[in-house]
């Protein structure tokens, strides 16, 4: 019998070190994130807890090993934005193009919709064709590009913003929970 398929679950505090380890190469070796110092596991644990209070933080696990994660957080702090959220997904470098990002995002979107969120927004540092393809395949539509908005690894970087609906745009939406 083969190994079990990867599955998506809620993150727990014990996942912080694995999430920090997955994220660190993105911080140090790419411009995909504009952070310049990888967060310590304790910092990552705080981020996980904060996301789960109002949004969600999920991990992709196989044979007890965390292979990736996705989370939602506030888009902006102003009250009128409270039905919108910003989302991100990160995978272990060896796990790209195997369906993990899609699995994480699909479950994340379901949970965010259940909590009453209506719009997901994602920013992608350019160039990043794999991320653009994933977001497009999952129904995100480009809404604009911030030109030369960040400086990392010796050059100015553009960020493409895209959004997708998570739920109906009714006239009197319930408060997100």
Protein backbone atom coordinates (compact mmCIF):
# COMPACT_ATOMS: atom_id res chain seq x y z
CA UNK A 1 0.00 0.00 0.00
CA UNK A 2 1.39 3.43 -0.98
CA UNK A 3 1.92 6.45 1.18
CA UNK A 4 -1.21 8.42 2.08
CA UNK A 5 -2.02 11.44 -0.02
CA UNK A 6 -1.25 14.85 1.40
CA UNK A 7 -4.15 16.41 3.26
CA UNK A 8 -5.07 19.92 4.39
CA UNK A 9 -5.76 20.70 8.03
CA UNK A 10 -5.83 23.63 10.44
CA UNK A 11 -2.39 24.68 11.60
CA UNK A 12 -1.50 24.08 15.24
CA UNK A 13 1.21 25.82 17.30
CA UNK A 14 3.54 22.88 16.69
CA UNK A 15 3.53 23.68 12.95
CA UNK A 16 5.28 27.02 13.42
CA UNK A 17 8.82 25.68 12.98
CA UNK A 18 7.90 23.83 9.78
CA UNK A 19 6.11 26.89 8.37
CA UNK A 20 9.10 29.09 9.25
CA UNK A 21 11.45 26.62 7.53
CA UNK A 22 9.28 26.57 4.37
CA UNK A 23 9.10 30.38 4.30
CA UNK A 24 12.78 31.15 5.00
CA UNK A 25 14.09 30.39 1.47
CA UNK A 26 11.43 32.67 0.00
CA UNK A 27 12.65 35.47 2.29
CA UNK A 28 16.39 35.01 1.76
CA UNK A 29 16.56 33.78 -1.83
CA UNK A 30 13.69 35.44 -3.69
CA UNK A 31 11.75 38.66 -4.03
CA UNK A 32 8.45 36.77 -3.75
CA UNK A 33 8.07 38.21 -0.26
CA UNK A 34 9.33 41.64 0.70
CA UNK A 35 10.44 40.49 4.14
CA UNK A 36 14.21 40.54 4.48
CA UNK A 37 14.70 38.53 7.68
CA UNK A 38 13.09 35.11 8.06
CA UNK A 39 10.76 34.99 11.05
CA UNK A 40 11.71 32.72 13.93
CA UNK A 41 9.35 29.88 14.80
CA UNK A 42 8.03 31.92 17.74
CA UNK A 43 7.13 34.77 15.38
CA UNK A 44 5.49 32.34 13.00
CA UNK A 45 3.47 30.88 15.88
CA UNK A 46 2.16 34.38 16.60
CA UNK A 47 1.21 34.85 12.95
CA UNK A 48 -0.62 31.52 12.91
CA UNK A 49 -2.56 32.41 16.06
CA UNK A 50 -3.47 35.85 14.72
CA UNK A 51 -4.71 34.46 11.39
CA UNK A 52 -6.81 31.80 13.08
CA UNK A 53 -8.58 34.25 15.36
CA UNK A 54 -10.46 35.82 12.48
CA UNK A 55 -9.43 34.23 9.19
CA UNK A 56 -7.64 30.88 8.79
CA UNK A 57 -4.19 29.28 8.55
CA UNK A 58 -3.97 25.82 6.98
CA UNK A 59 -1.13 23.38 6.35
CA UNK A 60 -0.62 20.63 3.80
CA UNK A 61 0.68 17.51 5.52
CA UNK A 62 1.92 14.13 4.31
CA UNK A 63 3.28 11.38 6.56
CA UNK A 64 3.46 13.82 9.47
CA UNK A 65 5.51 16.38 7.48
CA UNK A 66 4.21 19.88 6.72
CA UNK A 67 4.76 20.54 3.00
CA UNK A 68 3.14 23.95 2.67
CA UNK A 69 0.70 26.41 4.13
CA UNK A 70 -1.87 29.02 3.18
CA UNK A 71 -3.52 31.72 5.21
CA UNK A 72 -5.88 34.64 5.10
CA UNK A 73 -5.58 37.93 6.91
CA UNK A 74 -7.02 41.42 6.88
CA UNK A 75 -6.88 43.28 3.60
CA UNK A 76 -7.10 46.74 5.17
CA UNK A 77 -8.09 47.93 8.62
CA UNK A 78 -10.93 50.28 7.61
CA UNK A 79 -14.38 48.96 8.55
CA UNK A 80 -15.77 48.88 5.01
CA UNK A 81 -13.05 46.37 4.01
CA UNK A 82 -14.01 43.83 6.67
CA UNK A 83 -15.54 41.41 4.12
CA UNK A 84 -12.26 41.28 2.17
CA UNK A 85 -9.07 39.46 3.05
CA UNK A 86 -5.56 39.02 1.71
CA UNK A 87 -4.40 35.46 1.05
CA UNK A 88 -1.02 33.78 0.53
CA UNK A 89 0.27 30.29 -0.10
CA UNK A 90 3.77 28.86 0.30
CA UNK A 91 5.05 25.39 -0.52
CA UNK A 92 8.25 23.55 0.20
CA UNK A 93 10.50 24.04 -2.83
CA UNK A 94 10.26 20.36 -3.80
CA UNK A 95 6.44 20.45 -3.81
CA UNK A 96 5.72 22.91 -6.61
CA UNK A 97 3.38 21.94 -9.47
CA UNK A 98 1.93 18.92 -7.65
CA UNK A 99 -1.45 20.32 -6.66
CA UNK A 100 -0.58 21.36 -3.13
CA UNK A 101 -1.13 25.07 -3.68
CA UNK A 102 -4.51 24.42 -5.26
CA UNK A 103 -5.56 22.08 -2.43
CA UNK A 104 -4.53 24.59 0.23
CA UNK A 105 -6.21 27.53 -1.48
CA UNK A 106 -9.46 25.70 -2.26
CA UNK A 107 -9.89 24.72 1.39
CA UNK A 108 -8.82 28.18 2.56
CA UNK A 109 -11.41 29.82 0.29
CA UNK A 110 -14.12 27.50 1.58
CA UNK A 111 -13.34 28.35 5.19
CA UNK A 112 -13.09 32.08 4.56
CA UNK A 113 -16.44 32.03 2.74
CA UNK A 114 -18.01 30.16 5.68
CA UNK A 115 -16.77 32.94 7.96
CA UNK A 116 -18.53 35.53 5.80
CA UNK A 117 -15.69 36.92 3.73
CA UNK A 118 -16.66 37.91 0.20
CA UNK A 119 -13.41 38.82 -1.57
CA UNK A 120 -9.88 37.41 -1.53
CA UNK A 121 -7.00 39.59 -2.69
CA UNK A 122 -3.49 38.36 -3.51
CA UNK A 123 -0.29 40.23 -4.35
CA UNK A 124 2.38 38.63 -6.53
CA UNK A 125 5.86 40.07 -6.96
CA UNK A 126 6.73 40.06 -10.65
CA UNK A 127 8.03 38.15 -12.44
CA UNK A 128 6.47 35.05 -10.92
CA UNK A 129 4.70 33.06 -13.65
CA UNK A 130 3.98 30.00 -11.46
CA UNK A 131 2.07 32.15 -8.96
CA UNK A 132 0.26 34.08 -11.68
CA UNK A 133 -0.79 30.77 -13.31
CA UNK A 134 -2.02 29.32 -9.99
CA UNK A 135 -4.04 32.38 -9.09
CA UNK A 136 -5.52 32.64 -12.59
CA UNK A 137 -6.48 28.95 -12.54
CA UNK A 138 -8.27 29.53 -9.23
CA UNK A 139 -10.39 32.38 -10.55
CA UNK A 140 -8.36 35.43 -9.58
CA UNK A 141 -8.61 38.39 -11.94
CA UNK A 142 -5.87 41.01 -12.20
CA UNK A 143 -6.89 44.35 -10.73
CA UNK A 144 -3.69 46.33 -11.11
CA UNK A 145 0.06 46.46 -10.78
CA UNK A 146 2.01 48.56 -8.33
CA UNK A 147 5.12 49.60 -10.26
CA UNK A 148 8.51 49.64 -8.52
CA UNK A 149 6.78 49.37 -5.13
CA UNK A 150 9.51 47.40 -3.34
CA UNK A 151 13.28 47.18 -3.50
CA UNK A 152 14.82 43.77 -2.86
CA UNK A 153 17.92 41.92 -4.08
CA UNK A 154 19.30 44.97 -5.82
CA UNK A 155 16.34 46.04 -7.89
CA UNK A 156 12.91 47.62 -7.83
CA UNK A 157 10.02 45.15 -7.94
CA UNK A 158 6.48 45.35 -9.29
CA UNK A 159 3.56 43.67 -7.54
CA UNK A 160 0.52 42.40 -9.45
CA UNK A 161 -2.70 42.45 -7.44
CA UNK A 162 -5.58 40.11 -8.22
CA UNK A 163 -8.89 39.28 -6.58
CA UNK A 164 -11.62 36.65 -6.63
CA UNK A 165 -15.05 36.34 -5.13
CA UNK A 166 -15.51 34.08 -2.11
CA UNK A 167 -19.25 34.52 -1.68
CA UNK A 168 -22.26 36.45 -2.88
CA UNK A 169 -22.26 40.23 -2.89
CA UNK A 170 -25.60 40.69 -1.16
CA UNK A 171 -26.82 44.12 -0.10
CA UNK A 172 -26.76 43.41 3.63
CA UNK A 173 -23.91 40.98 4.30
CA UNK A 174 -23.66 39.36 7.69
CA UNK A 175 -20.64 40.31 9.76
CA UNK A 176 -17.67 38.01 9.16
CA UNK A 177 -16.91 35.81 12.16
